[in-house]
Amino acid sequence: MRKDIIIFSDLDSTALGDDHLFSKTTKDIVIDLYKSGIYFCPITARSAVDILKQGEILQLDKYNGIIAGANGAKIYDFGTKKWIFESFIDRKIIETIFKETYGKIGKIKVHYFADDAVYVYGQGENSKYWSELMKMDYNIIKSVEEIDKPITHLTIILEKDSTEEKAEEFYNNYIQKLEGVDIKKYTSRIFEIINKGVNKGLAVKKICEYLGFDKNKSTSYAFGDSFNDFEMFDKVNVGVAMQNAIPQLIEISNDVTLNNNEDGVAHYIKNKIINK
């Protein structure tokens, strides 16, 4: 495989269409890349069990590719059929979060994500949809003991009418006390908690080191659309935002491509990487 180019990409709203499927154009361009000796490495928030399926759809299993999930907490090598990196949140932190949130802070939702399961306090339309989409076990729990698998990351969702002031109060009174984790605030309602230093940028770094890429001697690209793609853009030479990306990501990107329903990733790769 070549050591002068490597490509990373988010999946949902980036390489995947709004129907959560890869277009034929995208699948074909990934195969063309691997046949040309260029790695295409998806890095997504999706669960471990799902990224294996997505990788097979892209034929990464055939071409010995690499894929990362859980926002960088899991990295899999299809060539060796092994996880080359795994990061799970300390059990004491899980217990603290459960104690501070379950049934105590109004209409709060917490989603605890394991490799093949999600644990929630009550059924929600959105969480149920995503668990079914990714073929994950969906568990409604009443005690922390029911969280019986290691957790890669979790999301905390405040009530729908939450304001910036309420979010700040919640952060200061509860979330800020947690040690050994990073807290990413997506909106005034949504926080993500993951082990400190674990993100898509770390996945880029670990994959490049694992494959023997030198950032100073190669060109790395990343495609993304949302808040969890900032660190990934920071670790590559060229960050390419989707046309449908959040304004903050477009602002710091090196380039912009077509939206995810117009095969923006494949279009950019074909016209600005392969045929440049």
Protein backbone atom coordinates (compact mmCIF):
# COMPACT_ATOMS: atom_id res chain seq x y z
CA MET A 1 0.00 0.00 0.00
CA ARG A 2 1.13 3.56 -0.71
CA LYS A 3 2.54 5.69 2.09
CA ASP A 4 2.03 9.10 0.46
CA ILE A 5 -1.80 9.38 0.75
CA ILE A 6 -4.35 8.24 3.31
CA ILE A 7 -8.04 9.17 3.54
CA PHE A 8 -10.30 9.27 6.59
CA SER A 9 -14.05 9.84 6.56
CA ASP A 10 -17.00 10.16 8.88
CA LEU A 11 -20.00 8.04 7.87
CA ASP A 12 -23.43 9.47 8.76
CA SER A 13 -24.25 12.64 6.81
CA THR A 14 -20.84 12.32 5.14
CA ALA A 15 -20.02 9.09 3.26
CA LEU A 16 -23.53 7.76 3.90
CA GLY A 17 -26.65 9.29 2.38
CA ASP A 18 -29.60 10.39 4.46
CA ASP A 19 -30.98 6.88 3.90
CA HIS A 20 -27.95 5.58 5.89
CA LEU A 21 -26.71 3.67 2.86
CA PHE A 22 -23.57 3.88 0.72
CA SER A 23 -24.29 4.75 -2.87
CA LYS A 24 -22.83 2.59 -5.63
CA THR A 25 -20.61 5.55 -6.54
CA THR A 26 -19.14 5.67 -3.04
CA LYS A 27 -18.61 1.91 -2.84
CA ASP A 28 -16.93 1.90 -6.24
CA ILE A 29 -14.58 4.77 -5.37
CA VAL A 30 -13.47 3.01 -2.16
CA ILE A 31 -12.65 -0.13 -4.15
CA ASP A 32 -10.77 1.99 -6.71
CA LEU A 33 -8.74 3.55 -3.88
CA TYR A 34 -7.70 0.22 -2.44
CA LYS A 35 -6.86 -1.15 -5.88
CA SER A 36 -4.64 1.93 -6.29
CA GLY A 37 -2.96 1.22 -2.96
CA ILE A 38 -4.66 4.05 -1.02
CA TYR A 39 -6.22 3.47 2.39
CA PHE A 40 -9.78 4.72 2.98
CA CYS A 41 -10.45 4.57 6.73
CA PRO A 42 -13.92 5.38 8.08
CA ILE A 43 -14.01 6.95 11.57
CA THR A 44 -17.52 7.14 12.98
CA ALA A 45 -19.57 7.41 16.15
CA ARG A 46 -21.27 4.14 15.27
CA SER A 47 -20.91 1.10 17.51
CA ALA A 48 -18.31 -1.64 17.24
CA VAL A 49 -20.79 -4.23 16.01
CA ASP A 50 -22.04 -1.88 13.29
CA ILE A 51 -18.67 -0.70 11.97
CA LEU A 52 -17.75 -4.29 11.15
CA LYS A 53 -20.87 -4.50 9.00
CA GLN A 54 -20.20 -1.13 7.35
CA GLY A 55 -16.62 -2.15 6.64
CA GLU A 56 -17.79 -5.33 4.94
CA ILE A 57 -20.21 -3.33 2.79
CA LEU A 58 -17.23 -1.25 1.62
CA GLN A 59 -15.22 -4.48 1.17
CA LEU A 60 -12.61 -3.41 3.68
CA ASP A 61 -12.47 -7.05 4.76
CA LYS A 62 -11.37 -8.00 1.25
CA TYR A 63 -8.71 -5.28 1.03
CA ASN A 64 -7.43 -5.49 4.63
CA GLY A 65 -8.68 -2.04 5.56
CA ILE A 66 -8.96 -0.22 8.88
CA ILE A 67 -12.11 1.23 10.48
CA ALA A 68 -12.76 3.12 13.74
CA GLY A 69 -15.98 3.44 15.72
CA ALA A 70 -17.40 4.89 18.94
CA ASN A 71 -15.82 8.24 18.05
CA GLY A 72 -12.34 6.74 18.16
CA ALA A 73 -12.74 4.40 21.14
CA LYS A 74 -12.53 1.31 18.91
CA ILE A 75 -10.20 0.65 15.94
CA TYR A 76 -10.34 -2.58 13.92
CA ASP A 77 -7.88 -4.08 11.43
CA PHE A 78 -9.68 -6.26 8.90
CA GLY A 79 -6.32 -7.67 7.80
CA THR A 80 -5.47 -9.21 11.17
CA LYS A 81 -9.11 -9.47 12.27
CA LYS A 82 -8.18 -7.81 15.56
CA TRP A 83 -9.01 -4.67 17.50
CA ILE A 84 -5.85 -2.57 17.50
CA PHE A 85 -7.24 -0.06 20.01
CA GLU A 86 -10.03 -0.16 22.59
CA SER A 87 -11.01 2.35 25.26
CA PHE A 88 -13.70 1.80 27.90
CA ILE A 89 -14.91 4.22 30.58
CA ASP A 90 -13.97 3.30 34.16
CA ARG A 91 -16.77 1.50 35.98
CA LYS A 92 -16.63 3.95 38.89
CA ILE A 93 -17.44 6.81 36.49
CA ILE A 94 -20.40 4.87 35.09
CA GLU A 95 -21.66 4.30 38.63
CA THR A 96 -21.24 7.99 39.51
CA ILE A 97 -23.11 9.15 36.42
CA PHE A 98 -25.95 6.71 37.10
CA LYS A 99 -26.18 7.83 40.73
CA GLU A 100 -26.25 11.51 39.81
CA THR A 101 -28.71 11.23 36.94
CA TYR A 102 -31.13 8.32 37.32
CA GLY A 103 -34.49 9.67 38.46
CA LYS A 104 -32.97 12.78 40.02
CA ILE A 105 -32.71 15.55 37.45
CA GLY A 106 -36.11 15.80 35.84
CA LYS A 107 -36.55 14.53 32.31
CA ILE A 108 -32.94 13.63 31.63
CA LYS A 109 -31.87 10.88 29.26
CA VAL A 110 -28.60 8.99 29.39
CA HIS A 111 -27.52 6.56 26.69
CA TYR A 112 -24.67 4.21 27.65
CA PHE A 113 -23.03 2.62 24.59
CA ALA A 114 -21.31 -0.77 24.62
CA ASP A 115 -19.94 -2.64 21.60
CA ASP A 116 -23.25 -4.26 20.76
CA ALA A 117 -25.72 -2.81 23.26
CA VAL A 118 -27.18 0.46 24.45
CA TYR A 119 -28.57 1.08 27.96
CA VAL A 120 -31.23 3.74 28.56
CA TYR A 121 -33.52 4.88 31.40
CA GLY A 122 -36.64 4.79 29.26
CA GLN A 123 -37.54 4.05 25.67
CA GLY A 124 -37.00 6.96 23.29
CA GLU A 125 -37.96 7.09 19.64
CA ASN A 126 -34.54 8.26 18.49
CA SER A 127 -32.44 5.90 20.62
CA LYS A 128 -34.65 2.95 19.69
CA TYR A 129 -34.34 3.81 15.99
CA TRP A 130 -30.54 3.94 16.09
CA SER A 131 -30.23 0.76 18.11
CA GLU A 132 -32.35 -1.08 15.55
CA LEU A 133 -30.41 0.48 12.67
CA MET A 134 -27.10 -0.70 14.14
CA LYS A 135 -28.50 -4.07 15.31
CA MET A 136 -27.71 -3.33 18.98
CA ASP A 137 -29.43 -4.80 22.01
CA TYR A 138 -31.72 -2.15 23.52
CA ASN A 139 -31.89 -2.30 27.32
CA ILE A 140 -34.14 -0.20 29.56
CA ILE A 141 -32.51 -0.25 32.98
CA LYS A 142 -33.45 0.56 36.57
CA SER A 143 -30.10 -0.14 38.23
CA VAL A 144 -26.45 0.35 37.34
CA GLU A 145 -25.88 -3.39 37.80
CA GLU A 146 -27.90 -3.92 34.64
CA ILE A 147 -25.13 -2.19 32.66
CA ASP A 148 -23.27 -5.47 32.29
CA LYS A 149 -20.92 -4.67 29.39
CA PRO A 150 -17.98 -2.23 29.09
CA ILE A 151 -19.03 1.26 27.95
CA THR A 152 -17.08 3.10 25.24
CA HIS A 153 -18.94 6.42 25.51
CA LEU A 154 -22.26 7.86 26.57
CA THR A 155 -24.54 10.78 25.84
CA ILE A 156 -26.52 12.86 28.31
CA ILE A 157 -29.58 14.62 26.92
CA LEU A 158 -31.36 17.30 28.92
CA GLU A 159 -35.07 18.13 28.64
CA LYS A 160 -36.30 19.65 25.36
CA ASP A 161 -36.78 23.13 26.82
CA SER A 162 -33.25 23.23 28.23
CA THR A 163 -31.50 26.59 27.96
CA GLU A 164 -27.81 27.51 27.90
CA GLU A 165 -28.17 28.54 31.55
CA LYS A 166 -29.63 25.14 32.54
CA ALA A 167 -26.91 23.36 30.58
CA GLU A 168 -24.23 25.41 32.33
CA GLU A 169 -25.76 24.67 35.73
CA PHE A 170 -25.92 20.96 34.96
CA TYR A 171 -22.31 20.96 33.77
CA ASN A 172 -21.03 22.80 36.83
CA ASN A 173 -23.02 20.78 39.37
CA TYR A 174 -22.58 17.30 37.96
CA ILE A 175 -20.50 16.77 34.82
CA GLN A 176 -17.52 18.95 35.72
CA LYS A 177 -16.81 16.75 38.75
CA LEU A 178 -15.98 13.73 36.60
CA GLU A 179 -12.28 12.94 36.28
CA GLY A 180 -10.49 11.05 33.53
CA VAL A 181 -13.03 11.85 30.84
CA ASP A 182 -13.63 14.49 28.20
CA ILE A 183 -17.02 16.19 27.96
CA LYS A 184 -18.11 17.42 24.57
CA LYS A 185 -21.08 19.79 24.47
CA TYR A 186 -22.96 19.48 21.20
CA THR A 187 -25.94 21.71 21.99
CA SER A 188 -27.62 23.23 25.07
CA ARG A 189 -29.17 19.77 25.57
CA ILE A 190 -26.60 17.21 24.53
CA PHE A 191 -23.30 16.21 26.14
CA GLU A 192 -21.02 13.33 25.16
CA ILE A 193 -18.69 11.69 27.68
CA ILE A 194 -15.71 9.62 26.57
CA ASN A 195 -12.31 8.78 28.04
CA LYS A 196 -9.91 11.72 28.17
CA GLY A 197 -8.05 12.21 24.91
CA VAL A 198 -10.18 9.72 22.99
CA ASN A 199 -11.72 11.21 19.85
CA LYS A 200 -11.54 10.92 16.08
CA GLY A 201 -8.26 12.81 16.07
CA LEU A 202 -6.69 10.16 18.28
CA ALA A 203 -8.00 7.51 15.87
CA VAL A 204 -6.25 9.29 12.97
CA LYS A 205 -3.02 9.42 14.95
CA LYS A 206 -3.15 5.77 16.00
CA ILE A 207 -4.04 4.52 12.52
CA CYS A 208 -1.24 6.53 10.90
CA GLU A 209 1.27 5.24 13.46
CA TYR A 210 0.01 1.68 13.07
CA LEU A 211 0.31 1.81 9.27
CA GLY A 212 3.62 3.67 9.31
CA PHE A 213 2.47 7.00 7.88
CA ASP A 214 4.56 10.13 8.45
CA LYS A 215 2.44 13.29 8.32
CA ASN A 216 5.42 15.25 7.02
CA LYS A 217 6.00 12.83 4.16
CA SER A 218 2.40 12.05 3.20
CA THR A 219 -0.89 13.84 2.59
CA SER A 220 -3.82 12.90 4.79
CA TYR A 221 -7.42 13.87 4.07
CA ALA A 222 -10.54 13.78 6.24
CA PHE A 223 -14.21 14.26 5.39
CA GLY A 224 -16.76 15.29 8.02
CA ASP A 225 -19.89 17.22 8.84
CA SER A 226 -20.30 17.77 12.59
CA PHE A 227 -18.91 18.64 16.03
CA ASN A 228 -17.16 15.32 16.56
CA ASP A 229 -15.06 15.86 13.42
CA PHE A 230 -13.05 18.86 14.66
CA GLU A 231 -10.26 16.77 16.20
CA MET A 232 -10.06 14.63 13.06
CA PHE A 233 -9.58 17.74 10.90
CA ASP A 234 -6.89 18.95 13.28
CA LYS A 235 -4.82 15.79 12.74
CA VAL A 236 -4.84 15.69 8.92
CA ASN A 237 -3.29 17.82 6.21
CA VAL A 238 -6.58 18.53 4.42
CA GLY A 239 -9.95 18.71 6.16
CA VAL A 240 -12.86 18.61 3.71
CA ALA A 241 -16.26 19.66 5.03
CA MET A 242 -19.47 18.48 3.46
CA GLN A 243 -21.74 21.13 2.00
CA ASN A 244 -24.29 20.02 4.60
CA ALA A 245 -21.79 20.37 7.47
CA ILE A 246 -22.27 22.65 10.46
CA PRO A 247 -20.99 26.21 9.78
CA GLN A 248 -18.29 25.90 12.47
CA LEU A 249 -16.68 22.93 10.67
CA ILE A 250 -16.90 24.59 7.26
CA GLU A 251 -15.19 27.64 8.73
CA ILE A 252 -12.09 25.71 9.82
CA SER A 253 -11.97 23.32 6.83
CA ASN A 254 -9.43 23.47 4.02
CA ASP A 255 -12.03 22.71 1.38
CA VAL A 256 -15.74 21.96 0.90
CA THR A 257 -17.35 19.27 -1.23
CA LEU A 258 -20.88 18.43 -2.36
CA ASN A 259 -23.42 17.26 0.23
CA ASN A 260 -23.74 13.66 1.37
CA ASN A 261 -26.72 12.94 -0.89
CA GLU A 262 -24.71 14.07 -3.92
CA ASP A 263 -21.79 11.69 -3.25
CA GLY A 264 -19.65 14.56 -2.01
CA VAL A 265 -16.92 12.27 -0.66
CA ALA A 266 -16.63 10.21 -3.84
CA HIS A 267 -16.82 13.33 -6.03
CA TYR A 268 -13.94 14.99 -4.17
CA ILE A 269 -11.78 11.86 -4.16
CA LYS A 270 -12.25 11.31 -7.88
CA ASN A 271 -11.67 14.90 -8.95
CA LYS A 272 -9.20 16.26 -6.42
CA ILE A 273 -7.23 13.25 -5.20
CA ILE A 274 -7.18 10.50 -7.82
CA ASN A 275 -7.34 12.71 -10.92
CA LYS A 276 -5.68 15.87 -9.65
